[in-house]
Protein backbone atom coordinates (compact mmCIF):
# COMPACT_ATOMS: atom_id res chain seq x y z
CA MET A 1 138.45 125.61 103.75
CA ASN A 2 134.85 125.27 104.88
CA ASN A 3 133.82 123.94 108.29
CA PRO A 4 133.18 120.16 108.14
CA ASP A 5 131.55 120.09 111.60
CA LYS A 6 128.21 121.12 110.12
CA ILE A 7 126.74 117.95 108.65
CA GLN A 8 125.00 118.37 105.32
CA PHE A 9 122.14 115.89 105.13
CA LEU A 10 122.08 113.98 101.86
CA ILE A 11 119.12 111.91 100.70
CA THR A 12 120.11 108.26 100.35
CA LYS A 13 118.23 105.09 99.45
CA GLU A 14 118.31 104.06 103.11
CA TYR A 15 116.78 107.39 104.11
CA ARG A 16 113.98 106.95 101.55
CA LYS A 17 113.24 103.49 102.97
CA PHE A 18 113.21 104.95 106.49
CA ALA A 19 110.85 107.76 105.44
CA GLU A 20 108.47 105.23 103.84
CA PHE A 21 108.56 103.20 107.07
CA CYS A 22 107.75 106.29 109.20
CA ASN A 23 104.93 107.34 106.88
CA ALA A 24 103.44 103.85 107.07
CA CYS A 25 103.50 103.99 110.90
CA ARG A 26 101.84 107.40 110.74
CA GLN A 27 99.20 106.35 108.20
CA TYR A 28 98.19 103.10 109.87
CA LYS A 29 98.82 104.34 113.45
CA TYR A 30 101.14 101.48 114.29
CA ILE A 31 104.15 101.17 116.53
CA GLY A 32 107.23 100.63 114.38
CA LEU A 33 110.69 99.38 115.39
CA CYS A 34 113.76 100.67 113.56
CA TYR A 35 117.11 99.11 114.41
CA GLY A 36 120.60 99.41 113.00
CA SER A 37 124.28 99.47 113.90
CA PRO A 38 125.76 102.60 115.53
CA GLY A 39 126.58 105.43 113.14
CA VAL A 40 124.59 104.32 110.09
CA GLY A 41 122.42 107.46 110.17
CA LYS A 42 119.32 106.51 112.16
CA THR A 43 119.21 109.61 114.38
CA LEU A 44 120.13 112.04 111.60
CA SER A 45 117.46 110.52 109.37
CA ALA A 46 114.81 110.80 112.10
CA GLN A 47 115.70 114.41 112.85
CA HIS A 48 115.64 115.29 109.16
CA PHE A 49 112.34 113.48 108.58
CA SER A 50 110.68 115.37 111.44
CA MET A 51 112.57 118.64 110.69
CA TRP A 52 113.16 118.60 114.44
CA ASP A 53 115.99 121.14 114.49
CA THR A 54 113.54 123.71 113.13
CA ILE A 55 110.58 122.62 115.27
CA GLU A 56 112.61 122.42 118.48
CA TYR A 57 114.13 125.86 117.90
CA TYR A 58 110.74 127.49 117.32
CA ILE A 59 109.30 125.79 120.42
CA SER A 60 112.23 127.17 122.45
CA ILE A 61 111.54 130.77 121.33
CA TYR A 62 107.73 130.49 121.34
CA HIS A 63 107.31 132.79 124.37
CA THR A 64 109.94 135.30 123.26
CA ASP A 65 109.80 138.22 120.83
CA LYS A 66 111.97 136.39 118.30
CA GLU A 67 110.50 135.84 114.84
CA ILE A 68 108.93 132.52 113.94
CA LYS A 69 108.73 131.83 110.23
CA TRP A 70 105.38 130.10 110.16
CA GLY A 71 105.87 128.82 106.63
CA GLU A 72 108.72 126.61 107.87
CA VAL A 73 106.44 124.93 110.41
CA VAL A 74 103.16 124.47 108.54
CA ASN A 75 102.05 120.92 107.71
CA LYS A 76 104.59 119.19 109.94
CA TYR A 77 103.26 116.11 111.73
CA ALA A 78 106.15 114.27 113.41
CA ALA A 79 107.70 114.95 116.82
CA PHE A 80 111.10 113.65 117.95
CA TYR A 81 112.15 112.67 121.46
CA THR A 82 115.25 111.17 123.07
CA PRO A 83 114.83 109.75 126.61
CA ARG A 84 117.42 110.46 129.26
CA ILE A 85 119.66 107.67 130.55
CA ALA A 86 117.75 105.61 133.14
CA PRO A 87 114.73 107.94 133.16
CA SER A 88 112.16 107.70 135.94
CA ILE A 89 108.66 106.70 134.86
CA ARG A 90 107.26 110.06 135.98
CA ASN A 91 109.88 112.10 134.10
CA LEU A 92 109.59 109.98 130.96
CA GLU A 93 105.81 110.36 130.88
CA LYS A 94 106.05 114.11 131.49
CA GLU A 95 108.71 114.69 128.83
CA ILE A 96 106.90 112.71 126.12
CA ASN A 97 103.61 114.45 126.90
CA ASP A 98 105.36 117.84 126.94
CA THR A 99 106.97 117.13 123.57
CA ILE A 100 103.60 116.32 122.02
CA HIS A 101 101.89 119.22 123.78
CA TRP A 102 104.33 121.89 122.62
CA PHE A 103 104.37 120.44 119.12
CA ASN A 104 100.58 120.82 119.02
CA VAL A 105 100.75 124.35 120.47
CA LEU A 106 103.24 125.43 117.82
CA LEU A 107 101.30 123.86 114.93
CA GLU A 108 97.96 125.23 116.12
CA ARG A 109 99.45 128.74 116.37
CA THR A 110 101.03 128.28 112.93
CA ASN A 111 97.68 127.49 111.35
CA MET A 112 96.06 130.45 113.10
CA GLU A 113 98.77 132.86 111.92
CA LEU A 114 98.57 131.62 108.33
CA LYS A 115 94.76 131.87 108.32
CA ILE A 116 95.04 135.48 109.48
CA LEU A 117 97.61 136.13 106.74
CA ASN A 118 95.38 134.50 104.15
CA ARG A 119 92.40 136.64 105.12
CA SER A 120 94.46 139.83 105.02
CA THR A 121 95.95 139.04 101.60
CA GLY A 122 92.96 137.27 100.09
CA THR A 123 95.04 134.18 99.35
CA HIS A 124 94.51 130.49 100.05
CA ASN A 125 97.13 128.18 101.56
CA SER A 126 96.30 124.56 100.82
CA LYS A 127 98.92 123.38 103.33
CA ILE A 128 96.84 124.52 106.31
CA LYS A 129 95.17 121.52 107.92
CA GLU A 130 92.42 121.45 110.50
CA LYS A 131 92.89 119.84 113.87
CA LYS A 132 90.67 116.77 113.87
CA ARG A 133 88.31 116.20 116.76
CA ASN A 134 89.90 114.06 119.49
CA ASN A 135 93.15 114.14 117.57
CA ASN A 136 96.37 116.13 117.43
CA PHE A 137 98.50 117.91 114.89
CA CYS A 138 101.13 115.42 116.07
CA GLU A 139 100.45 112.24 114.08
CA LEU A 140 103.75 110.47 114.78
CA ILE A 141 106.31 110.53 117.57
CA ILE A 142 109.79 109.15 116.94
CA ILE A 143 111.61 107.97 120.07
CA ASP A 144 115.37 107.62 119.66
CA GLU A 145 117.67 105.57 121.93
CA ALA A 146 114.76 103.26 122.74
CA ASP A 147 117.21 100.77 124.27
CA ARG A 148 117.14 103.04 127.34
CA LEU A 149 113.50 102.21 128.01
CA THR A 150 112.77 99.77 130.83
CA SER A 151 109.62 97.65 131.02
CA GLY A 152 108.00 100.56 132.88
CA GLY A 153 109.15 102.95 130.15
CA LEU A 154 107.59 100.74 127.49
CA GLU A 155 104.32 100.87 129.43
CA VAL A 156 104.50 104.67 129.27
CA VAL A 157 105.00 104.51 125.48
CA ARG A 158 102.11 102.05 125.17
CA ASP A 159 99.87 104.39 127.18
CA VAL A 160 100.88 107.36 124.98
CA TYR A 161 100.15 105.30 121.87
CA ASP A 162 96.73 104.19 123.13
CA ARG A 163 95.74 107.61 124.49
CA TYR A 164 96.82 109.84 121.62
CA LYS A 165 96.05 107.29 118.88
CA ILE A 166 99.11 108.27 116.87
CA GLY A 167 101.93 106.37 115.19
CA VAL A 168 105.08 105.64 117.21
CA VAL A 169 108.56 104.79 115.92
CA LEU A 170 111.17 103.38 118.31
CA ILE A 171 114.81 103.57 117.19
CA GLY A 172 117.44 101.35 118.73
CA MET A 173 120.32 98.95 118.31
CA PRO A 174 120.14 95.51 116.69
CA GLY A 175 118.45 93.14 119.11
CA ILE A 176 115.83 95.62 120.34
CA GLU A 177 113.16 93.72 118.41
CA LYS A 178 114.00 90.55 120.38
CA LYS A 179 113.99 92.46 123.66
CA LEU A 180 110.56 93.96 122.97
CA SER A 181 109.09 90.63 121.87
CA ARG A 182 109.20 89.60 125.55
CA TYR A 183 106.54 92.21 126.37
CA ALA A 184 103.44 90.71 124.79
CA GLN A 185 101.04 93.63 125.39
CA PHE A 186 103.48 96.07 123.84
CA TYR A 187 104.71 93.85 121.01
CA SER A 188 101.17 93.07 119.88
CA ARG A 189 100.89 96.73 118.84
CA VAL A 190 104.02 96.61 116.66
CA GLY A 191 103.05 96.75 113.01
CA PHE A 192 106.33 97.35 111.18
CA VAL A 193 110.01 96.53 111.70
CA HIS A 194 112.75 98.26 109.71
CA ASN A 195 116.43 97.31 109.52
CA PHE A 196 118.41 100.50 108.86
CA LYS A 197 121.48 99.33 106.91
CA SER A 198 124.79 100.92 106.01
CA ILE A 199 124.82 102.40 102.53
CA ASN A 200 126.68 100.52 99.80
CA ALA A 201 130.03 101.48 98.28
CA ASP A 202 128.54 102.97 95.11
CA GLU A 203 126.31 105.35 97.04
CA MET A 204 129.09 106.20 99.47
CA SER A 205 131.32 107.09 96.52
CA HIS A 206 128.66 109.52 95.37
CA LEU A 207 128.37 111.06 98.85
CA LEU A 208 132.13 111.47 99.18
CA LYS A 209 132.09 114.00 96.33
CA TYR A 210 129.97 116.22 98.58
CA LYS A 211 132.43 115.74 101.45
CA TRP A 212 135.21 117.00 99.17
CA LYS A 213 133.04 120.03 98.40
CA GLU A 214 132.45 120.72 102.12
CA LEU A 215 136.21 121.22 102.44
CA GLY A 216 136.22 123.63 99.52
CA LEU A 217 137.72 121.04 97.17
CA SER A 218 136.61 119.47 93.93
CA PHE A 219 136.78 115.70 93.47
CA ASP A 220 138.39 114.72 90.17
CA PRO A 221 137.68 111.07 89.20
CA THR A 222 140.58 111.21 86.70
CA ASP A 223 143.05 112.23 89.43
CA PHE A 224 144.82 109.17 90.84
CA SER A 225 145.38 110.82 94.25
CA ASP A 226 141.66 111.61 94.62
CA LYS A 227 140.65 108.10 93.57
CA GLU A 228 143.20 106.49 95.87
CA ALA A 229 142.09 108.64 98.82
CA MET A 230 138.43 107.80 98.13
CA ASN A 231 139.12 104.05 98.06
CA ASP A 232 140.96 104.34 101.38
CA ILE A 233 138.05 106.24 102.95
CA LEU A 234 135.60 103.61 101.67
CA ARG A 235 137.74 100.87 103.22
CA ILE A 236 137.92 102.65 106.59
CA THR A 237 134.30 103.79 106.94
CA ARG A 238 132.43 100.88 105.31
CA GLY A 239 129.22 102.89 104.93
CA ASN A 240 129.18 104.29 108.47
CA PHE A 241 128.01 107.93 108.46
CA ARG A 242 129.25 108.82 111.95
CA LEU A 243 132.71 107.46 111.25
CA LEU A 244 132.76 109.26 107.89
CA HIS A 245 132.03 112.59 109.59
CA ARG A 246 134.66 111.99 112.30
CA LEU A 247 137.23 111.01 109.69
CA PHE A 248 136.63 114.14 107.59
CA THR A 249 136.91 116.33 110.69
CA GLN A 250 140.39 114.87 111.20
CA ILE A 251 141.20 115.14 107.48
CA ASP A 252 140.40 118.85 107.64
CA ARG A 253 142.65 119.21 110.70
CA VAL A 254 145.57 117.32 109.09
CA MET A 255 145.31 119.39 105.91
CA LYS A 256 145.38 122.66 107.85
CA ILE A 257 148.38 121.60 109.94
CA ASN A 258 150.32 120.49 106.87
CA VAL A 259 149.05 123.27 104.58
CA CYS A 260 147.69 120.76 102.04
CA ASN A 261 145.29 121.74 99.28
CA PHE A 262 144.19 118.23 98.28
CA ILE A 263 143.24 114.96 99.97
CA SER A 264 145.76 112.18 99.51
CA LYS A 265 145.96 108.65 100.84
CA GLU A 266 148.67 109.83 103.25
CA VAL A 267 146.35 112.54 104.60
CA VAL A 268 143.58 109.96 105.09
CA GLU A 269 145.91 107.57 106.91
CA ALA A 270 147.20 110.37 109.14
CA ALA A 271 143.62 111.33 109.95
CA ARG A 272 142.70 107.72 110.70
CA GLU A 273 145.51 107.42 113.27
CA ASN A 274 143.71 110.06 115.36
CA LEU A 275 140.51 108.02 115.56
CA ILE A 276 139.44 105.19 117.82
CA ILE A 277 137.55 102.78 115.58
CA GLY A 278 135.67 99.83 117.02
CA ASP A 279 133.90 97.03 115.24
CA LEU A 280 131.53 98.21 112.48
């Protein structure tokens, strides 16, 4: 069986709505608020939108002799940041500024390297963009776990927004929009609000076929056992991505212990017993 711990990102309708929301914040240079229940895919969507796994890795090896594939970095414009728990104002300001700074350093070097390559090969790369005067390659910063920000932390974000003149997206739990509405100076800069919802049963059914594949199995809609197991998974997860991933990790474990080569309702129920599931 394949390893289910590596999450394959799948494009959903909710992700497309989230991407449109982020692009609007970037285009109009607004602060946007995204809220949703735990586990619906907010963080994964933000990391995928910004391609942050790739960007963060290349920033971490920037001063080493490891290879950077510049083509994977070119034309990126969104940075991603998660504040620590109860961050001090000084540390928060430093970390956000450092995130934007190193993003700009990496993108500026990327453009330089690709221009050199273009001159040496006589080719033209239309993806290369110039750094605008008084602007940055970073056009949007996405701040996850925004519920951790105090009033002082929000002032830091407001200062970053005003100083860099870029779009900002704050991601948090339901109710964050009401919390922020109490800070008039900050809330007056909010241009968009997005409710990140759980995906519906039809789309989840489609995604489950990929989860079967991740375990090296093939979903057969004519097989009663497969259909019964799918319906049970839909009932348990109710569109929650995080719970879906945790459940399939346990399903993989149960199948290995019992030397099973298919997913049955009994396997799903045994996997569910190993999970602590709160209110969804």
